[in-house]
Amino acid sequence: MLGVGLVALVLGWTLRSASIAWVGHAPRVTWLQVLALALVAGILGAVAWSTYRTLQARRQTIEPHQAVNRLVLAKACAIAGAAVAGGYLGYALSWVGIDEQELAGERLLRSGLAGLAGVMIVVASLLLERACRVRRDDP
């Protein structure tokens, strides 16, 4: 995940200059992107909490295919979240110190918040992965 995040960070950082060279302007980050990523993180967090309560706190069981599905979801979302977080944070870093361009502050804020939402996706995914572990006292 760290490697994916670092590659995405570099790609996000180069996006501004490459976009300006090819298209003539840098892409805008909207609130919809930030909110969609936060929603995904919230849903993953809710699934992680529900799975933890079911398997660890209440000591109930779930069907094996459901556990595998949740584990695969957690792994995939952790990698995707690292890529999203790295890309948006790299794009945010490319705007640091640039005041003369139009909407620079808006792009810095929104891409930084989207990057933070990507980090929240990674954290929620890792919590879901941890919730899927078999208890030590489970035969």
C-alpha atoms as a PDB file:
ATOM      1  CA  MET A   1       0.000   0.000   0.000  1.00  0.00           C
ATOM      2  CA  LEU A   2       2.843   2.352   0.774  1.00  0.00           C
ATOM      3  CA  GLY A   3       4.330   1.860  -2.687  1.00  0.00           C
ATOM      4  CA  VAL A   4       0.972   2.473  -4.360  1.00  0.00           C
ATOM      5  CA  GLY A   5       0.474   5.591  -2.262  1.00  0.00           C
ATOM      6  CA  LEU A   6       3.914   6.978  -3.095  1.00  0.00           C
ATOM      7  CA  VAL A   7       3.535   6.354  -6.834  1.00  0.00           C
ATOM      8  CA  ALA A   8       0.106   8.020  -6.740  1.00  0.00           C
ATOM      9  CA  LEU A   9       1.589  10.943  -4.772  1.00  0.00           C
ATOM     10  CA  VAL A  10       4.147  11.575  -7.512  1.00  0.00           C
ATOM     11  CA  LEU A  11       1.521  11.214 -10.249  1.00  0.00           C
ATOM     12  CA  GLY A  12      -0.832  13.580  -8.426  1.00  0.00           C
ATOM     13  CA  TRP A  13       1.962  16.097  -7.972  1.00  0.00           C
ATOM     14  CA  THR A  14       2.774  16.057 -11.704  1.00  0.00           C
ATOM     15  CA  LEU A  15      -0.897  16.240 -12.733  1.00  0.00           C
ATOM     16  CA  ARG A  16      -1.125  20.032 -12.392  1.00  0.00           C
ATOM     17  CA  SER A  17       1.827  20.852 -14.633  1.00  0.00           C
ATOM     18  CA  ALA A  18       0.979  18.116 -17.166  1.00  0.00           C
ATOM     19  CA  SER A  19      -2.634  19.234 -17.360  1.00  0.00           C
ATOM     20  CA  ILE A  20      -1.678  22.880 -17.826  1.00  0.00           C
ATOM     21  CA  ALA A  21       0.754  21.888 -20.592  1.00  0.00           C
ATOM     22  CA  TRP A  22      -1.757  19.688 -22.442  1.00  0.00           C
ATOM     23  CA  VAL A  23      -5.155  21.256 -21.792  1.00  0.00           C
ATOM     24  CA  GLY A  24      -4.269  24.776 -20.682  1.00  0.00           C
ATOM     25  CA  HIS A  25      -5.778  24.584 -17.186  1.00  0.00           C
ATOM     26  CA  ALA A  26      -5.568  22.428 -14.091  1.00  0.00           C
ATOM     27  CA  PRO A  27      -8.428  20.113 -13.105  1.00  0.00           C
ATOM     28  CA  ARG A  28     -10.853  21.256 -10.440  1.00  0.00           C
ATOM     29  CA  VAL A  29     -11.720  19.192  -7.404  1.00  0.00           C
ATOM     30  CA  THR A  30     -15.376  19.486  -6.462  1.00  0.00           C
ATOM     31  CA  TRP A  31     -17.109  18.935  -3.144  1.00  0.00           C
ATOM     32  CA  LEU A  32     -18.889  15.960  -4.688  1.00  0.00           C
ATOM     33  CA  GLN A  33     -15.590  14.094  -4.978  1.00  0.00           C
ATOM     34  CA  VAL A  34     -14.722  14.838  -1.367  1.00  0.00           C
ATOM     35  CA  LEU A  35     -18.150  13.806  -0.105  1.00  0.00           C
ATOM     36  CA  ALA A  36     -18.205  10.606  -2.181  1.00  0.00           C
ATOM     37  CA  LEU A  37     -14.864   9.522  -0.744  1.00  0.00           C
ATOM     38  CA  ALA A  38     -16.015  10.368   2.785  1.00  0.00           C
ATOM     39  CA  LEU A  39     -19.184   8.336   2.181  1.00  0.00           C
ATOM     40  CA  VAL A  40     -17.143   5.316   1.075  1.00  0.00           C
ATOM     41  CA  ALA A  41     -14.984   5.642   4.194  1.00  0.00           C
ATOM     42  CA  GLY A  42     -18.102   5.864   6.361  1.00  0.00           C
ATOM     43  CA  ILE A  43     -19.652   2.777   4.773  1.00  0.00           C
ATOM     44  CA  LEU A  44     -16.434   0.806   5.217  1.00  0.00           C
ATOM     45  CA  GLY A  45     -16.240   1.941   8.819  1.00  0.00           C
ATOM     46  CA  ALA A  46     -19.812   0.833   9.444  1.00  0.00           C
ATOM     47  CA  VAL A  47     -19.144  -2.582   7.890  1.00  0.00           C
ATOM     48  CA  ALA A  48     -15.980  -2.916   9.982  1.00  0.00           C
ATOM     49  CA  TRP A  49     -17.850  -2.025  13.163  1.00  0.00           C
ATOM     50  CA  SER A  50     -20.693  -4.417  12.353  1.00  0.00           C
ATOM     51  CA  THR A  51     -18.259  -7.227  11.554  1.00  0.00           C
ATOM     52  CA  TYR A  52     -16.271  -6.598  14.719  1.00  0.00           C
ATOM     53  CA  ARG A  53     -19.407  -6.631  16.868  1.00  0.00           C
ATOM     54  CA  THR A  54     -20.658  -9.833  15.266  1.00  0.00           C
ATOM     55  CA  LEU A  55     -17.419 -11.820  15.318  1.00  0.00           C
ATOM     56  CA  GLN A  56     -15.476 -10.461  18.265  1.00  0.00           C
ATOM     57  CA  ALA A  57     -17.856  -8.869  20.759  1.00  0.00           C
ATOM     58  CA  ARG A  58     -20.912 -11.125  20.427  1.00  0.00           C
ATOM     59  CA  ARG A  59     -18.844 -14.164  19.447  1.00  0.00           C
ATOM     60  CA  GLN A  60     -21.271 -15.097  16.692  1.00  0.00           C
ATOM     61  CA  THR A  61     -20.313 -16.589  13.361  1.00  0.00           C
ATOM     62  CA  ILE A  62     -20.985 -15.566   9.799  1.00  0.00           C
ATOM     63  CA  GLU A  63     -20.964 -17.654   6.660  1.00  0.00           C
ATOM     64  CA  PRO A  64     -17.430 -18.340   5.397  1.00  0.00           C
ATOM     65  CA  HIS A  65     -18.120 -16.779   1.995  1.00  0.00           C
ATOM     66  CA  GLN A  66     -19.327 -13.582   3.706  1.00  0.00           C
ATOM     67  CA  ALA A  67     -16.105 -13.390   5.712  1.00  0.00           C
ATOM     68  CA  VAL A  68     -14.014 -13.909   2.581  1.00  0.00           C
ATOM     69  CA  ASN A  69     -16.042 -11.283   0.696  1.00  0.00           C
ATOM     70  CA  ARG A  70     -15.463  -8.758   3.470  1.00  0.00           C
ATOM     71  CA  LEU A  71     -11.771  -9.571   3.591  1.00  0.00           C
ATOM     72  CA  VAL A  72     -11.411  -9.147  -0.181  1.00  0.00           C
ATOM     73  CA  LEU A  73     -13.371  -5.887   0.015  1.00  0.00           C
ATOM     74  CA  ALA A  74     -11.040  -4.656   2.749  1.00  0.00           C
ATOM     75  CA  LYS A  75      -7.888  -5.535   0.792  1.00  0.00           C
ATOM     76  CA  ALA A  76      -9.133  -3.950  -2.432  1.00  0.00           C
ATOM     77  CA  CYS A  77     -10.352  -0.785  -0.725  1.00  0.00           C
ATOM     78  CA  ALA A  78      -7.102  -0.422   1.211  1.00  0.00           C
ATOM     79  CA  ILE A  79      -5.077  -0.431  -2.003  1.00  0.00           C
ATOM     80  CA  ALA A  80      -7.553   1.815  -3.836  1.00  0.00           C
ATOM     81  CA  GLY A  81      -7.719   4.171  -0.846  1.00  0.00           C
ATOM     82  CA  ALA A  82      -3.924   4.432  -0.780  1.00  0.00           C
ATOM     83  CA  ALA A  83      -3.921   5.316  -4.484  1.00  0.00           C
ATOM     84  CA  VAL A  84      -6.686   7.897  -4.044  1.00  0.00           C
ATOM     85  CA  ALA A  85      -5.059   9.410  -0.961  1.00  0.00           C
ATOM     86  CA  GLY A  86      -1.660   9.629  -2.627  1.00  0.00           C
ATOM     87  CA  GLY A  87      -3.074  11.136  -5.809  1.00  0.00           C
ATOM     88  CA  TYR A  88      -5.129  13.812  -4.115  1.00  0.00           C
ATOM     89  CA  LEU A  89      -2.439  14.665  -1.570  1.00  0.00           C
ATOM     90  CA  GLY A  90       0.132  14.935  -4.359  1.00  0.00           C
ATOM     91  CA  TYR A  91      -2.204  17.237  -6.266  1.00  0.00           C
ATOM     92  CA  ALA A  92      -2.704  19.307  -3.110  1.00  0.00           C
ATOM     93  CA  LEU A  93       1.062  19.562  -2.600  1.00  0.00           C
ATOM     94  CA  SER A  94       1.465  20.850  -6.143  1.00  0.00           C
ATOM     95  CA  TRP A  95      -0.626  23.901  -5.170  1.00  0.00           C
ATOM     96  CA  VAL A  96       1.339  24.806  -2.033  1.00  0.00           C
ATOM     97  CA  GLY A  97       2.854  28.262  -2.390  1.00  0.00           C
ATOM     98  CA  ILE A  98       0.992  29.161  -5.589  1.00  0.00           C
ATOM     99  CA  ASP A  99      -1.174  32.220  -5.082  1.00  0.00           C
ATOM    100  CA  GLU A 100      -1.164  33.877  -8.480  1.00  0.00           C
ATOM    101  CA  GLN A 101      -3.335  31.275 -10.202  1.00  0.00           C
ATOM    102  CA  GLU A 102      -7.083  31.399 -10.077  1.00  0.00           C
ATOM    103  CA  LEU A 103      -8.743  28.965  -7.641  1.00  0.00           C
ATOM    104  CA  ALA A 104      -5.407  27.763  -6.213  1.00  0.00           C
ATOM    105  CA  GLY A 105      -6.611  27.904  -2.606  1.00  0.00           C
ATOM    106  CA  GLU A 106      -9.840  26.100  -3.462  1.00  0.00           C
ATOM    107  CA  ARG A 107      -7.963  23.333  -5.252  1.00  0.00           C
ATOM    108  CA  LEU A 108      -5.506  22.992  -2.374  1.00  0.00           C
ATOM    109  CA  LEU A 109      -8.267  22.736   0.238  1.00  0.00           C
ATOM    110  CA  ARG A 110     -10.533  20.348  -1.639  1.00  0.00           C
ATOM    111  CA  SER A 111      -7.781  18.046  -2.851  1.00  0.00           C
ATOM    112  CA  GLY A 112      -6.306  17.986   0.655  1.00  0.00           C
ATOM    113  CA  LEU A 113      -9.685  17.004   2.108  1.00  0.00           C
ATOM    114  CA  ALA A 114     -10.136  14.361  -0.601  1.00  0.00           C
ATOM    115  CA  GLY A 115      -6.696  12.997   0.280  1.00  0.00           C
ATOM    116  CA  LEU A 116      -7.704  12.876   3.928  1.00  0.00           C
ATOM    117  CA  ALA A 117     -10.859  10.981   2.953  1.00  0.00           C
ATOM    118  CA  GLY A 118      -8.629   8.538   1.063  1.00  0.00           C
ATOM    119  CA  VAL A 119      -6.601   8.013   4.225  1.00  0.00           C
ATOM    120  CA  MET A 120      -9.866   7.388   6.100  1.00  0.00           C
ATOM    121  CA  ILE A 121     -10.730   4.726   3.483  1.00  0.00           C
ATOM    122  CA  VAL A 122      -7.398   3.011   4.158  1.00  0.00           C
ATOM    123  CA  VAL A 123      -7.937   3.115   7.928  1.00  0.00           C
ATOM    124  CA  ALA A 124     -11.502   1.795   7.679  1.00  0.00           C
ATOM    125  CA  SER A 125     -10.333  -0.963   5.316  1.00  0.00           C
ATOM    126  CA  LEU A 126      -7.597  -2.036   7.698  1.00  0.00           C
ATOM    127  CA  LEU A 127     -10.109  -2.084  10.556  1.00  0.00           C
ATOM    128  CA  LEU A 128     -12.422  -4.273   8.465  1.00  0.00           C
ATOM    129  CA  GLU A 129      -9.543  -6.597   7.679  1.00  0.00           C
ATOM    130  CA  ARG A 130      -8.711  -6.822  11.365  1.00  0.00           C
ATOM    131  CA  ALA A 131     -12.357  -7.488  12.262  1.00  0.00           C
ATOM    132  CA  CYS A 132     -12.357 -10.503   9.912  1.00  0.00           C
ATOM    133  CA  ARG A 133      -9.633 -12.275  11.886  1.00  0.00           C
ATOM    134  CA  VAL A 134     -10.475 -15.479  13.681  1.00  0.00           C
ATOM    135  CA  ARG A 135     -10.446 -15.202  17.461  1.00  0.00           C
ATOM    136  CA  ARG A 136      -7.583 -16.958  19.240  1.00  0.00           C
ATOM    137  CA  ASP A 137      -9.997 -19.004  21.362  1.00  0.00           C
ATOM    138  CA  ASP A 138     -12.038 -20.134  18.341  1.00  0.00           C
ATOM    139  CA  PRO A 139     -11.600 -23.853  17.679  1.00  0.00           C
END
